[in-house]
PDB file of N, CA and C in Angstrom:
ATOM      1  N   MET A   1      12.926  -8.236 -22.046  1.00  0.00           N
ATOM      2  CA  MET A   1      11.696  -7.538 -21.741  1.00  0.00           C
ATOM      3  C   MET A   1      10.540  -8.517 -21.821  1.00  0.00           C
ATOM      4  N   SER A   2       9.689  -8.460 -20.831  1.00  0.00           N
ATOM      5  CA  SER A   2       8.471  -9.275 -20.850  1.00  0.00           C
ATOM      6  C   SER A   2       7.323  -8.437 -21.374  1.00  0.00           C
ATOM      7  N   ARG A   3       6.379  -9.089 -21.983  1.00  0.00           N
ATOM      8  CA  ARG A   3       5.192  -8.383 -22.488  1.00  0.00           C
ATOM      9  C   ARG A   3       3.990  -8.914 -21.731  1.00  0.00           C
ATOM     10  N   ILE A   4       3.264  -8.017 -21.087  1.00  0.00           N
ATOM     11  CA  ILE A   4       2.024  -8.395 -20.409  1.00  0.00           C
ATOM     12  C   ILE A   4       0.919  -7.477 -20.905  1.00  0.00           C
ATOM     13  N   ILE A   5      -0.275  -7.975 -20.835  1.00  0.00           N
ATOM     14  CA  ILE A   5      -1.438  -7.183 -21.216  1.00  0.00           C
ATOM     15  C   ILE A   5      -2.299  -7.036 -19.972  1.00  0.00           C
ATOM     16  N   LEU A   6      -2.562  -5.789 -19.597  1.00  0.00           N
ATOM     17  CA  LEU A   6      -3.384  -5.501 -18.421  1.00  0.00           C
ATOM     18  C   LEU A   6      -4.784  -5.111 -18.857  1.00  0.00           C
ATOM     19  N   SER A   7      -5.738  -5.612 -18.142  1.00  0.00           N
ATOM     20  CA  SER A   7      -7.118  -5.212 -18.355  1.00  0.00           C
ATOM     21  C   SER A   7      -7.721  -4.988 -16.976  1.00  0.00           C
ATOM     22  N   ILE A   8      -8.143  -3.764 -16.703  1.00  0.00           N
ATOM     23  CA  ILE A   8      -8.712  -3.454 -15.395  1.00  0.00           C
ATOM     24  C   ILE A   8     -10.029  -2.719 -15.569  1.00  0.00           C
ATOM     25  N   ASP A   9     -10.890  -2.904 -14.613  1.00  0.00           N
ATOM     26  CA  ASP A   9     -12.155  -2.171 -14.574  1.00  0.00           C
ATOM     27  C   ASP A   9     -11.978  -1.020 -13.589  1.00  0.00           C
ATOM     28  N   MET A  10     -12.333   0.170 -14.006  1.00  0.00           N
ATOM     29  CA  MET A  10     -12.270   1.320 -13.118  1.00  0.00           C
ATOM     30  C   MET A  10     -13.416   2.258 -13.447  1.00  0.00           C
ATOM     31  N   PRO A  11     -13.792   3.066 -12.487  1.00  0.00           N
ATOM     32  CA  PRO A  11     -14.863   4.028 -12.744  1.00  0.00           C
ATOM     33  C   PRO A  11     -14.492   4.933 -13.921  1.00  0.00           C
ATOM     34  N   GLU A  12     -15.482   5.271 -14.717  1.00  0.00           N
ATOM     35  CA  GLU A  12     -15.259   6.080 -15.911  1.00  0.00           C
ATOM     36  C   GLU A  12     -14.582   7.410 -15.601  1.00  0.00           C
ATOM     37  N   MET A  13     -15.017   8.054 -14.532  1.00  0.00           N
ATOM     38  CA  MET A  13     -14.445   9.347 -14.155  1.00  0.00           C
ATOM     39  C   MET A  13     -12.949   9.198 -13.846  1.00  0.00           C
ATOM     40  N   LEU A  14     -12.578   8.148 -13.150  1.00  0.00           N
ATOM     41  CA  LEU A  14     -11.175   7.898 -12.833  1.00  0.00           C
ATOM     42  C   LEU A  14     -10.374   7.632 -14.108  1.00  0.00           C
ATOM     43  N   GLU A  15     -10.952   6.860 -15.001  1.00  0.00           N
ATOM     44  CA  GLU A  15     -10.283   6.560 -16.273  1.00  0.00           C
ATOM     45  C   GLU A  15     -10.053   7.843 -17.062  1.00  0.00           C
ATOM     46  N   GLU A  16     -11.056   8.718 -17.115  1.00  0.00           N
ATOM     47  CA  GLU A  16     -10.924   9.968 -17.846  1.00  0.00           C
ATOM     48  C   GLU A  16      -9.832  10.848 -17.249  1.00  0.00           C
ATOM     49  N   GLN A  17      -9.806  10.924 -15.916  1.00  0.00           N
ATOM     50  CA  GLN A  17      -8.793  11.741 -15.249  1.00  0.00           C
ATOM     51  C   GLN A  17      -7.394  11.151 -15.468  1.00  0.00           C
ATOM     52  N   ALA A  18      -7.285   9.845 -15.349  1.00  0.00           N
ATOM     53  CA  ALA A  18      -5.989   9.178 -15.531  1.00  0.00           C
ATOM     54  C   ALA A  18      -5.487   9.356 -16.960  1.00  0.00           C
ATOM     55  N   ARG A  19      -6.385   9.203 -17.917  1.00  0.00           N
ATOM     56  CA  ARG A  19      -6.000   9.362 -19.319  1.00  0.00           C
ATOM     57  C   ARG A  19      -5.577  10.814 -19.582  1.00  0.00           C
ATOM     58  N   ALA A  20      -6.341  11.781 -19.071  1.00  0.00           N
ATOM     59  CA  ALA A  20      -6.015  13.197 -19.268  1.00  0.00           C
ATOM     60  C   ALA A  20      -4.662  13.547 -18.640  1.00  0.00           C
ATOM     61  N   ALA A  21      -4.324  12.869 -17.553  1.00  0.00           N
ATOM     62  CA  ALA A  21      -3.047  13.125 -16.875  1.00  0.00           C
ATOM     63  C   ALA A  21      -1.904  12.321 -17.487  1.00  0.00           C
ATOM     64  N   GLY A  22      -2.211  11.509 -18.471  1.00  0.00           N
ATOM     65  CA  GLY A  22      -1.183  10.710 -19.126  1.00  0.00           C
ATOM     66  C   GLY A  22      -0.730   9.501 -18.324  1.00  0.00           C
ATOM     67  N   LEU A  23      -1.540   9.078 -17.389  1.00  0.00           N
ATOM     68  CA  LEU A  23      -1.156   7.966 -16.516  1.00  0.00           C
ATOM     69  C   LEU A  23      -1.399   6.587 -17.123  1.00  0.00           C
ATOM     70  N   LEU A  24      -2.086   6.515 -18.226  1.00  0.00           N
ATOM     71  CA  LEU A  24      -2.417   5.213 -18.795  1.00  0.00           C
ATOM     72  C   LEU A  24      -1.488   4.810 -19.937  1.00  0.00           C
ATOM     73  N   SER A  25      -0.484   5.619 -20.198  1.00  0.00           N
ATOM     74  CA  SER A  25       0.475   5.229 -21.239  1.00  0.00           C
ATOM     75  C   SER A  25       1.362   4.110 -20.699  1.00  0.00           C
ATOM     76  N   GLU A  26       1.927   3.341 -21.601  1.00  0.00           N
ATOM     77  CA  GLU A  26       2.790   2.229 -21.195  1.00  0.00           C
ATOM     78  C   GLU A  26       3.936   2.711 -20.316  1.00  0.00           C
ATOM     79  N   GLU A  27       4.561   3.802 -20.714  1.00  0.00           N
ATOM     80  CA  GLU A  27       5.701   4.326 -19.961  1.00  0.00           C
ATOM     81  C   GLU A  27       5.304   4.740 -18.550  1.00  0.00           C
ATOM     82  N   ARG A  28       4.169   5.409 -18.421  1.00  0.00           N
ATOM     83  CA  ARG A  28       3.718   5.877 -17.097  1.00  0.00           C
ATOM     84  C   ARG A  28       3.318   4.722 -16.205  1.00  0.00           C
ATOM     85  N   VAL A  29       2.643   3.721 -16.752  1.00  0.00           N
ATOM     86  CA  VAL A  29       2.262   2.559 -15.944  1.00  0.00           C
ATOM     87  C   VAL A  29       3.521   1.854 -15.438  1.00  0.00           C
ATOM     88  N   ILE A  30       4.513   1.700 -16.304  1.00  0.00           N
ATOM     89  CA  ILE A  30       5.778   1.089 -15.887  1.00  0.00           C
ATOM     90  C   ILE A  30       6.423   1.929 -14.782  1.00  0.00           C
ATOM     91  N   ALA A  31       6.448   3.250 -14.966  1.00  0.00           N
ATOM     92  CA  ALA A  31       7.044   4.145 -13.965  1.00  0.00           C
ATOM     93  C   ALA A  31       6.281   4.079 -12.642  1.00  0.00           C
ATOM     94  N   LEU A  32       4.943   4.018 -12.719  1.00  0.00           N
ATOM     95  CA  LEU A  32       4.140   3.930 -11.500  1.00  0.00           C
ATOM     96  C   LEU A  32       4.404   2.632 -10.744  1.00  0.00           C
ATOM     97  N   ILE A  33       4.518   1.533 -11.467  1.00  0.00           N
ATOM     98  CA  ILE A  33       4.801   0.245 -10.826  1.00  0.00           C
ATOM     99  C   ILE A  33       6.199   0.267 -10.204  1.00  0.00           C
ATOM    100  N   ALA A  34       7.173   0.804 -10.926  1.00  0.00           N
ATOM    101  CA  ALA A  34       8.539   0.888 -10.402  1.00  0.00           C
ATOM    102  C   ALA A  34       8.585   1.762  -9.150  1.00  0.00           C
ATOM    103  N   ALA A  35       7.856   2.879  -9.167  1.00  0.00           N
ATOM    104  CA  ALA A  35       7.821   3.767  -8.005  1.00  0.00           C
ATOM    105  C   ALA A  35       7.171   3.076  -6.808  1.00  0.00           C
ATOM    106  N   GLU A  36       6.129   2.330  -7.047  1.00  0.00           N
ATOM    107  CA  GLU A  36       5.457   1.625  -5.955  1.00  0.00           C
ATOM    108  C   GLU A  36       6.362   0.547  -5.372  1.00  0.00           C
ATOM    109  N   LEU A  37       7.081  -0.169  -6.230  1.00  0.00           N
ATOM    110  CA  LEU A  37       8.019  -1.182  -5.736  1.00  0.00           C
ATOM    111  C   LEU A  37       9.121  -0.537  -4.893  1.00  0.00           C
ATOM    112  N   ALA A  38       9.633   0.597  -5.333  1.00  0.00           N
ATOM    113  CA  ALA A  38      10.661   1.315  -4.573  1.00  0.00           C
ATOM    114  C   ALA A  38      10.103   1.786  -3.239  1.00  0.00           C
ATOM    115  N   ARG A  39       8.865   2.282  -3.253  1.00  0.00           N
ATOM    116  CA  ARG A  39       8.228   2.746  -2.011  1.00  0.00           C
ATOM    117  C   ARG A  39       8.077   1.599  -1.026  1.00  0.00           C
ATOM    118  N   GLN A  40       7.623   0.449  -1.507  1.00  0.00           N
ATOM    119  CA  GLN A  40       7.460  -0.708  -0.638  1.00  0.00           C
ATOM    120  C   GLN A  40       8.791  -1.184  -0.079  1.00  0.00           C
ATOM    121  N   THR A  41       9.820  -1.191  -0.911  1.00  0.00           N
ATOM    122  CA  THR A  41      11.161  -1.593  -0.452  1.00  0.00           C
ATOM    123  C   THR A  41      11.653  -0.642   0.629  1.00  0.00           C
ATOM    124  N   SER A  42      11.482   0.649   0.416  1.00  0.00           N
ATOM    125  CA  SER A  42      11.903   1.642   1.412  1.00  0.00           C
ATOM    126  C   SER A  42      11.129   1.476   2.710  1.00  0.00           C
ATOM    127  N   TRP A  43       9.836   1.279   2.604  1.00  0.00           N
ATOM    128  CA  TRP A  43       9.015   1.089   3.797  1.00  0.00           C
ATOM    129  C   TRP A  43       9.454  -0.154   4.560  1.00  0.00           C
ATOM    130  N   ASN A  44       9.678  -1.250   3.847  1.00  0.00           N
ATOM    131  CA  ASN A  44      10.104  -2.485   4.509  1.00  0.00           C
ATOM    132  C   ASN A  44      11.456  -2.305   5.195  1.00  0.00           C
ATOM    133  N   ARG A  45      12.376  -1.598   4.546  1.00  0.00           N
ATOM    134  CA  ARG A  45      13.686  -1.342   5.146  1.00  0.00           C
ATOM    135  C   ARG A  45      13.534  -0.469   6.393  1.00  0.00           C
ATOM    136  N   LEU A  46      12.717   0.581   6.308  1.00  0.00           N
ATOM    137  CA  LEU A  46      12.478   1.459   7.452  1.00  0.00           C
ATOM    138  C   LEU A  46      11.846   0.679   8.595  1.00  0.00           C
ATOM    139  N   PHE A  47      10.844  -0.130   8.289  1.00  0.00           N
ATOM    140  CA  PHE A  47      10.156  -0.910   9.313  1.00  0.00           C
ATOM    141  C   PHE A  47      11.129  -1.900   9.959  1.00  0.00           C
ATOM    142  N   GLY A  48      11.986  -2.540   9.151  1.00  0.00           N
ATOM    143  CA  GLY A  48      12.977  -3.473   9.685  1.00  0.00           C
ATOM    144  C   GLY A  48      13.971  -2.772  10.591  1.00  0.00           C
ATOM    145  N   THR A  49      14.414  -1.592  10.193  1.00  0.00           N
ATOM    146  CA  THR A  49      15.338  -0.816  11.020  1.00  0.00           C
ATOM    147  C   THR A  49      14.667  -0.406  12.322  1.00  0.00           C
ATOM    148  N   MET A  50      13.404   0.002  12.241  1.00  0.00           N
ATOM    149  CA  MET A  50      12.668   0.380  13.441  1.00  0.00           C
ATOM    150  C   MET A  50      12.574  -0.800  14.403  1.00  0.00           C
ATOM    151  N   LYS A  51      12.308  -1.986  13.868  1.00  0.00           N
ATOM    152  CA  LYS A  51      12.209  -3.181  14.712  1.00  0.00           C
ATOM    153  C   LYS A  51      13.549  -3.473  15.391  1.00  0.00           C
ATOM    154  N   GLN A  52      14.657  -3.321  14.649  1.00  0.00           N
ATOM    155  CA  GLN A  52      15.985  -3.539  15.222  1.00  0.00           C
ATOM    156  C   GLN A  52      16.274  -2.538  16.338  1.00  0.00           C
ATOM    157  N   LEU A  53      15.949  -1.270  16.092  1.00  0.00           N
ATOM    158  CA  LEU A  53      16.154  -0.239  17.109  1.00  0.00           C
ATOM    159  C   LEU A  53      15.285  -0.498  18.335  1.00  0.00           C
ATOM    160  N   GLN A  54      14.061  -0.907  18.087  1.00  0.00           N
ATOM    161  CA  GLN A  54      13.153  -1.189  19.191  1.00  0.00           C
ATOM    162  C   GLN A  54      13.701  -2.320  20.051  1.00  0.00           C
ATOM    163  N   SER A  55      14.197  -3.371  19.421  1.00  0.00           N
ATOM    164  CA  SER A  55      14.772  -4.496  20.159  1.00  0.00           C
ATOM    165  C   SER A  55      16.022  -4.069  20.921  1.00  0.00           C
ATOM    166  N   ALA A  56      16.869  -3.282  20.266  1.00  0.00           N
ATOM    167  CA  ALA A  56      18.113  -2.843  20.901  1.00  0.00           C
ATOM    168  C   ALA A  56      17.853  -1.909  22.075  1.00  0.00           C
ATOM    169  N   SER A  57      16.775  -1.153  22.028  1.00  0.00           N
ATOM    170  CA  SER A  57      16.487  -0.183  23.089  1.00  0.00           C
ATOM    171  C   SER A  57      15.817  -0.817  24.305  1.00  0.00           C
ATOM    172  N   GLU A  58      15.383  -2.055  24.196  1.00  0.00           N
ATOM    173  CA  GLU A  58      14.672  -2.683  25.314  1.00  0.00           C
ATOM    174  C   GLU A  58      15.522  -2.755  26.574  1.00  0.00           C
ATOM    175  N   SER A  59      16.847  -2.934  26.440  1.00  0.00           N
ATOM    176  CA  SER A  59      17.691  -3.025  27.635  1.00  0.00           C
ATOM    177  C   SER A  59      17.741  -1.694  28.386  1.00  0.00           C
ATOM    178  N   ASP A  60      17.650  -0.575  27.667  1.00  0.00           N
ATOM    179  CA  ASP A  60      17.690   0.739  28.314  1.00  0.00           C
ATOM    180  C   ASP A  60      16.320   1.248  28.747  1.00  0.00           C
ATOM    181  N   PHE A  61      15.289   0.928  27.960  1.00  0.00           N
ATOM    182  CA  PHE A  61      13.982   1.534  28.194  1.00  0.00           C
ATOM    183  C   PHE A  61      12.886   0.527  28.528  1.00  0.00           C
ATOM    184  N   GLY A  62      13.201  -0.750  28.538  1.00  0.00           N
ATOM    185  CA  GLY A  62      12.185  -1.768  28.765  1.00  0.00           C
ATOM    186  C   GLY A  62      11.342  -1.965  27.521  1.00  0.00           C
ATOM    187  N   HIS A  63      10.393  -2.859  27.603  1.00  0.00           N
ATOM    188  CA  HIS A  63       9.532  -3.137  26.441  1.00  0.00           C
ATOM    189  C   HIS A  63       8.600  -1.957  26.197  1.00  0.00           C
ATOM    190  N   MET A  64       8.546  -1.524  24.955  1.00  0.00           N
ATOM    191  CA  MET A  64       7.640  -0.445  24.552  1.00  0.00           C
ATOM    192  C   MET A  64       6.803  -0.922  23.381  1.00  0.00           C
ATOM    193  N   SER A  65       5.600  -0.422  23.323  1.00  0.00           N
ATOM    194  CA  SER A  65       4.771  -0.704  22.150  1.00  0.00           C
ATOM    195  C   SER A  65       5.354   0.063  20.971  1.00  0.00           C
ATOM    196  N   GLU A  66       4.920  -0.288  19.767  1.00  0.00           N
ATOM    197  CA  GLU A  66       5.395   0.436  18.584  1.00  0.00           C
ATOM    198  C   GLU A  66       5.065   1.923  18.698  1.00  0.00           C
ATOM    199  N   THR A  67       3.893   2.230  19.203  1.00  0.00           N
ATOM    200  CA  THR A  67       3.480   3.631  19.339  1.00  0.00           C
ATOM    201  C   THR A  67       4.373   4.363  20.321  1.00  0.00           C
ATOM    202  N   GLU A  68       4.665   3.744  21.454  1.00  0.00           N
ATOM    203  CA  GLU A  68       5.548   4.373  22.440  1.00  0.00           C
ATOM    204  C   GLU A  68       6.949   4.590  21.856  1.00  0.00           C
ATOM    205  N   PHE A  69       7.441   3.591  21.134  1.00  0.00           N
ATOM    206  CA  PHE A  69       8.769   3.692  20.546  1.00  0.00           C
ATOM    207  C   PHE A  69       8.816   4.801  19.504  1.00  0.00           C
ATOM    208  N   ILE A  70       7.823   4.850  18.629  1.00  0.00           N
ATOM    209  CA  ILE A  70       7.766   5.888  17.594  1.00  0.00           C
ATOM    210  C   ILE A  70       7.666   7.265  18.239  1.00  0.00           C
ATOM    211  N   ASP A  71       6.871   7.388  19.297  1.00  0.00           N
ATOM    212  CA  ASP A  71       6.762   8.667  20.003  1.00  0.00           C
ATOM    213  C   ASP A  71       8.107   9.091  20.574  1.00  0.00           C
ATOM    214  N   MET A  72       8.852   8.135  21.151  1.00  0.00           N
ATOM    215  CA  MET A  72      10.166   8.439  21.710  1.00  0.00           C
ATOM    216  C   MET A  72      11.125   8.905  20.607  1.00  0.00           C
ATOM    217  N   VAL A  73      11.138   8.186  19.487  1.00  0.00           N
ATOM    218  CA  VAL A  73      12.011   8.574  18.376  1.00  0.00           C
ATOM    219  C   VAL A  73      11.618   9.957  17.855  1.00  0.00           C
ATOM    220  N   ASN A  74      10.323  10.207  17.723  1.00  0.00           N
ATOM    221  CA  ASN A  74       9.868  11.527  17.253  1.00  0.00           C
ATOM    222  C   ASN A  74      10.307  12.631  18.205  1.00  0.00           C
ATOM    223  N   ASP A  75      10.228  12.374  19.523  1.00  0.00           N
ATOM    224  CA  ASP A  75      10.676  13.372  20.507  1.00  0.00           C
ATOM    225  C   ASP A  75      12.154  13.685  20.326  1.00  0.00           C
ATOM    226  N   ILE A  76      12.960  12.654  20.119  1.00  0.00           N
ATOM    227  CA  ILE A  76      14.400  12.848  19.927  1.00  0.00           C
ATOM    228  C   ILE A  76      14.662  13.635  18.648  1.00  0.00           C
ATOM    229  N   VAL A  77      13.964  13.295  17.582  1.00  0.00           N
ATOM    230  CA  VAL A  77      14.130  14.018  16.311  1.00  0.00           C
ATOM    231  C   VAL A  77      13.766  15.486  16.483  1.00  0.00           C
ATOM    232  N   HIS A  78      12.660  15.761  17.187  1.00  0.00           N
ATOM    233  CA  HIS A  78      12.245  17.157  17.407  1.00  0.00           C
ATOM    234  C   HIS A  78      13.299  17.910  18.224  1.00  0.00           C
ATOM    235  N   GLU A  79      13.883  17.258  19.236  1.00  0.00           N
ATOM    236  CA  GLU A  79      14.934  17.890  20.031  1.00  0.00           C
ATOM    237  C   GLU A  79      16.148  18.228  19.166  1.00  0.00           C
ATOM    238  N   ILE A  80      16.556  17.282  18.328  1.00  0.00           N
ATOM    239  CA  ILE A  80      17.717  17.509  17.456  1.00  0.00           C
ATOM    240  C   ILE A  80      17.431  18.633  16.474  1.00  0.00           C
ATOM    241  N   ARG A  81      16.233  18.642  15.882  1.00  0.00           N
ATOM    242  CA  ARG A  81      15.887  19.708  14.933  1.00  0.00           C
ATOM    243  C   ARG A  81      15.863  21.068  15.619  1.00  0.00           C
ATOM    244  N   ALA A  82      15.315  21.123  16.831  1.00  0.00           N
ATOM    245  CA  ALA A  82      15.279  22.383  17.565  1.00  0.00           C
ATOM    246  C   ALA A  82      16.682  22.865  17.891  1.00  0.00           C
ATOM    247  N   LYS A  83      17.543  21.949  18.292  1.00  0.00           N
ATOM    248  CA  LYS A  83      18.931  22.296  18.592  1.00  0.00           C
ATOM    249  C   LYS A  83      19.639  22.801  17.338  1.00  0.00           C
ATOM    250  N   ASN A  84      19.431  22.147  16.212  1.00  0.00           N
ATOM    251  CA  ASN A  84      20.076  22.552  14.959  1.00  0.00           C
ATOM    252  C   ASN A  84      19.508  23.858  14.422  1.00  0.00           C
ATOM    253  N   ALA A  85      18.276  24.183  14.769  1.00  0.00           N
ATOM    254  CA  ALA A  85      17.656  25.425  14.292  1.00  0.00           C
ATOM    255  C   ALA A  85      18.111  26.631  15.106  1.00  0.00           C
ATOM    256  N   THR A  86      18.637  26.387  16.314  1.00  0.00           N
ATOM    257  CA  THR A  86      19.108  27.463  17.168  1.00  0.00           C
ATOM    258  C   THR A  86      20.489  27.893  16.711  1.00  0.00           C
ATOM    259  N   PRO A  87      20.656  29.195  16.441  1.00  0.00           N
ATOM    260  CA  PRO A  87      21.981  29.657  16.010  1.00  0.00           C
ATOM    261  C   PRO A  87      23.009  29.390  17.102  1.00  0.00           C
ATOM    262  N   GLN A  88      24.149  28.884  16.704  1.00  0.00           N
ATOM    263  CA  GLN A  88      25.230  28.577  17.641  1.00  0.00           C
ATOM    264  C   GLN A  88      26.122  29.808  17.785  1.00  0.00           C
ATOM    265  N   SER A  89      26.427  30.179  19.017  1.00  0.00           N
ATOM    266  CA  SER A  89      27.356  31.305  19.219  1.00  0.00           C
ATOM    267  C   SER A  89      28.780  30.802  19.085  1.00  0.00           C
ATOM    268  N   GLU A  90      29.616  31.638  18.491  1.00  0.00           N
ATOM    269  CA  GLU A  90      31.007  31.238  18.258  1.00  0.00           C
ATOM    270  C   GLU A  90      31.914  31.861  19.264  1.00  0.00           C
TER     271      GLU A  90
END
């Protein structure tokens, strides 16, 4: 275990709210940092996967901007969700 000492300046109102919510305890600060690291790792993995998909789709759809690609993926997701929400007849 490493020991570090943090000293930060923050607005008094924010400090009061954070303290009242229990966010300034050692355990919570550690948990918040761990959660942020996990969030960043997930985002980087998602972004990397998106880049791979975008590159792989260029042969079928040509070059698309990130916005165009995201819009296309969102359209496909909405279609799949709509299909899955429709009751299937047996």
